[in-house]
Amino acid sequence: MAPKIKISGESLQTLGTNLQGIVDTLNVAHVYQDWGALTGEELLAGALSGFDDKWEIKRGKMVENITKLQEMITAVIDTLDEVDGCLTGSLTGEESEGGG
């Protein structure tokens, strides 16, 4: 028998909120464009600019993946709420339209 996983709805909601905070933080992170003026060193400016370019690509992928994860968690929460509402309606004899 497979082990049971127990996660509260509240924990899932907190996770969804935290993931949104991560996405918000990553979305305001921006690339500094003028490394040469900041550093005064062409070689260092080139290295920092290369890092920025790679970071921008990775940041975009992270935002995309975290957003997908957040959407999945929201779908799980919605499904659990719907099932809970249907079960409650069955027990109380009331019709439920999508859960509560």
C-alpha atoms as a PDB file:
ATOM      1  CA  MET A   1       0.000   0.000   0.000  1.00  0.00           C
ATOM      2  CA  ALA A   2       1.312   3.412  -0.963  1.00  0.00           C
ATOM      3  CA  PRO A   3       1.943   5.914   1.834  1.00  0.00           C
ATOM      4  CA  LYS A   4      -0.740   8.550   2.310  1.00  0.00           C
ATOM      5  CA  ILE A   5       0.015  12.184   1.761  1.00  0.00           C
ATOM      6  CA  LYS A   6      -1.833  14.600   4.026  1.00  0.00           C
ATOM      7  CA  ILE A   7      -1.790  18.300   3.193  1.00  0.00           C
ATOM      8  CA  SER A   8      -4.294  20.747   4.582  1.00  0.00           C
ATOM      9  CA  GLY A   9      -6.218  23.085   2.303  1.00  0.00           C
ATOM     10  CA  GLU A  10      -4.830  25.973   4.312  1.00  0.00           C
ATOM     11  CA  SER A  11      -1.277  24.813   3.595  1.00  0.00           C
ATOM     12  CA  LEU A  12      -2.069  24.639  -0.123  1.00  0.00           C
ATOM     13  CA  GLN A  13      -3.521  28.146  -0.056  1.00  0.00           C
ATOM     14  CA  THR A  14      -0.448  29.435   1.769  1.00  0.00           C
ATOM     15  CA  LEU A  15       1.796  27.761  -0.787  1.00  0.00           C
ATOM     16  CA  GLY A  16      -0.169  29.368  -3.621  1.00  0.00           C
ATOM     17  CA  THR A  17       0.174  32.781  -1.991  1.00  0.00           C
ATOM     18  CA  ASN A  18       3.896  32.280  -1.411  1.00  0.00           C
ATOM     19  CA  LEU A  19       4.414  31.221  -5.021  1.00  0.00           C
ATOM     20  CA  GLN A  20       2.636  34.379  -6.185  1.00  0.00           C
ATOM     21  CA  GLY A  21       5.015  36.407  -4.010  1.00  0.00           C
ATOM     22  CA  ILE A  22       7.977  34.714  -5.671  1.00  0.00           C
ATOM     23  CA  VAL A  23       6.585  35.443  -9.137  1.00  0.00           C
ATOM     24  CA  ASP A  24       5.933  39.078  -8.178  1.00  0.00           C
ATOM     25  CA  THR A  25       9.503  39.449  -6.907  1.00  0.00           C
ATOM     26  CA  LEU A  26      10.988  37.870 -10.013  1.00  0.00           C
ATOM     27  CA  ASN A  27       8.843  40.058 -12.254  1.00  0.00           C
ATOM     28  CA  VAL A  28      10.178  43.275 -10.729  1.00  0.00           C
ATOM     29  CA  ALA A  29      13.778  42.108 -11.006  1.00  0.00           C
ATOM     30  CA  HIS A  30      15.254  43.875 -13.969  1.00  0.00           C
ATOM     31  CA  VAL A  31      18.428  43.833 -15.974  1.00  0.00           C
ATOM     32  CA  TYR A  32      20.842  46.702 -15.447  1.00  0.00           C
ATOM     33  CA  GLN A  33      21.717  48.006 -18.905  1.00  0.00           C
ATOM     34  CA  ASP A  34      24.776  50.198 -18.400  1.00  0.00           C
ATOM     35  CA  TRP A  35      27.371  48.071 -16.639  1.00  0.00           C
ATOM     36  CA  GLY A  36      30.202  49.975 -18.329  1.00  0.00           C
ATOM     37  CA  ALA A  37      29.202  53.245 -16.703  1.00  0.00           C
ATOM     38  CA  LEU A  38      28.714  51.543 -13.361  1.00  0.00           C
ATOM     39  CA  THR A  39      31.991  49.617 -13.276  1.00  0.00           C
ATOM     40  CA  GLY A  40      34.282  51.661 -15.490  1.00  0.00           C
ATOM     41  CA  GLU A  41      35.850  48.389 -16.615  1.00  0.00           C
ATOM     42  CA  GLU A  42      35.065  47.005 -20.065  1.00  0.00           C
ATOM     43  CA  LEU A  43      35.937  43.383 -19.236  1.00  0.00           C
ATOM     44  CA  LEU A  44      33.895  43.378 -16.027  1.00  0.00           C
ATOM     45  CA  ALA A  45      31.020  45.151 -17.761  1.00  0.00           C
ATOM     46  CA  GLY A  46      31.030  42.482 -20.479  1.00  0.00           C
ATOM     47  CA  ALA A  47      30.968  39.675 -17.932  1.00  0.00           C
ATOM     48  CA  LEU A  48      28.118  41.295 -15.991  1.00  0.00           C
ATOM     49  CA  SER A  49      26.161  41.925 -19.171  1.00  0.00           C
ATOM     50  CA  GLY A  50      26.576  38.256 -20.170  1.00  0.00           C
ATOM     51  CA  PHE A  51      25.369  37.190 -16.740  1.00  0.00           C
ATOM     52  CA  ASP A  52      22.355  39.499 -17.072  1.00  0.00           C
ATOM     53  CA  ASP A  53      21.428  37.998 -20.426  1.00  0.00           C
ATOM     54  CA  LYS A  54      21.560  34.452 -19.046  1.00  0.00           C
ATOM     55  CA  TRP A  55      19.734  35.475 -15.864  1.00  0.00           C
ATOM     56  CA  GLU A  56      16.917  37.040 -17.889  1.00  0.00           C
ATOM     57  CA  ILE A  57      16.376  33.753 -19.760  1.00  0.00           C
ATOM     58  CA  LYS A  58      16.472  31.666 -16.557  1.00  0.00           C
ATOM     59  CA  ARG A  59      14.269  34.134 -14.700  1.00  0.00           C
ATOM     60  CA  GLY A  60      11.657  33.909 -17.439  1.00  0.00           C
ATOM     61  CA  LYS A  61      11.693  30.113 -17.277  1.00  0.00           C
ATOM     62  CA  MET A  62      11.387  30.168 -13.485  1.00  0.00           C
ATOM     63  CA  VAL A  63       8.423  32.557 -13.633  1.00  0.00           C
ATOM     64  CA  GLU A  64       6.757  30.320 -16.224  1.00  0.00           C
ATOM     65  CA  ASN A  65       7.287  27.142 -14.164  1.00  0.00           C
ATOM     66  CA  ILE A  66       6.269  28.694 -10.850  1.00  0.00           C
ATOM     67  CA  THR A  67       3.135  30.122 -12.471  1.00  0.00           C
ATOM     68  CA  LYS A  68       2.237  26.669 -13.827  1.00  0.00           C
ATOM     69  CA  LEU A  69       2.752  25.169 -10.374  1.00  0.00           C
ATOM     70  CA  GLN A  70       0.570  27.845  -8.817  1.00  0.00           C
ATOM     71  CA  GLU A  71      -2.169  27.141 -11.378  1.00  0.00           C
ATOM     72  CA  MET A  72      -1.997  23.425 -10.535  1.00  0.00           C
ATOM     73  CA  ILE A  73      -2.277  24.136  -6.813  1.00  0.00           C
ATOM     74  CA  THR A  74      -5.264  26.417  -7.454  1.00  0.00           C
ATOM     75  CA  ALA A  75      -6.908  23.637  -9.484  1.00  0.00           C
ATOM     76  CA  VAL A  76      -6.339  21.175  -6.619  1.00  0.00           C
ATOM     77  CA  ILE A  77      -7.865  23.603  -4.110  1.00  0.00           C
ATOM     78  CA  ASP A  78     -10.854  24.249  -6.384  1.00  0.00           C
ATOM     79  CA  THR A  79     -11.383  20.519  -6.914  1.00  0.00           C
ATOM     80  CA  LEU A  80     -11.171  19.781  -3.191  1.00  0.00           C
ATOM     81  CA  ASP A  81     -13.674  22.573  -2.476  1.00  0.00           C
ATOM     82  CA  GLU A  82     -16.020  21.207  -5.139  1.00  0.00           C
ATOM     83  CA  VAL A  83     -15.783  17.631  -3.843  1.00  0.00           C
ATOM     84  CA  ASP A  84     -16.270  18.841  -0.283  1.00  0.00           C
ATOM     85  CA  GLY A  85     -19.369  20.775  -1.317  1.00  0.00           C
ATOM     86  CA  CYS A  86     -20.794  17.793  -3.199  1.00  0.00           C
ATOM     87  CA  LEU A  87     -20.178  15.452  -0.274  1.00  0.00           C
ATOM     88  CA  THR A  88     -21.711  17.927   2.152  1.00  0.00           C
ATOM     89  CA  GLY A  89     -24.720  18.287  -0.122  1.00  0.00           C
ATOM     90  CA  SER A  90     -25.093  14.511  -0.313  1.00  0.00           C
ATOM     91  CA  LEU A  91     -25.012  14.166   3.445  1.00  0.00           C
ATOM     92  CA  THR A  92     -27.426  17.014   4.090  1.00  0.00           C
ATOM     93  CA  GLY A  93     -29.703  16.246   1.164  1.00  0.00           C
ATOM     94  CA  GLU A  94     -29.023  19.610  -0.490  1.00  0.00           C
ATOM     95  CA  GLU A  95     -27.996  20.075  -4.107  1.00  0.00           C
ATOM     96  CA  SER A  96     -24.580  21.663  -4.551  1.00  0.00           C
ATOM     97  CA  GLU A  97     -23.455  23.590  -7.624  1.00  0.00           C
ATOM     98  CA  GLY A  98     -19.694  23.280  -7.612  1.00  0.00           C
ATOM     99  CA  GLY A  99     -19.038  23.196  -3.971  1.00  0.00           C
ATOM    100  CA  GLY A 100     -19.405  25.871  -1.527  1.00  0.00           C
END
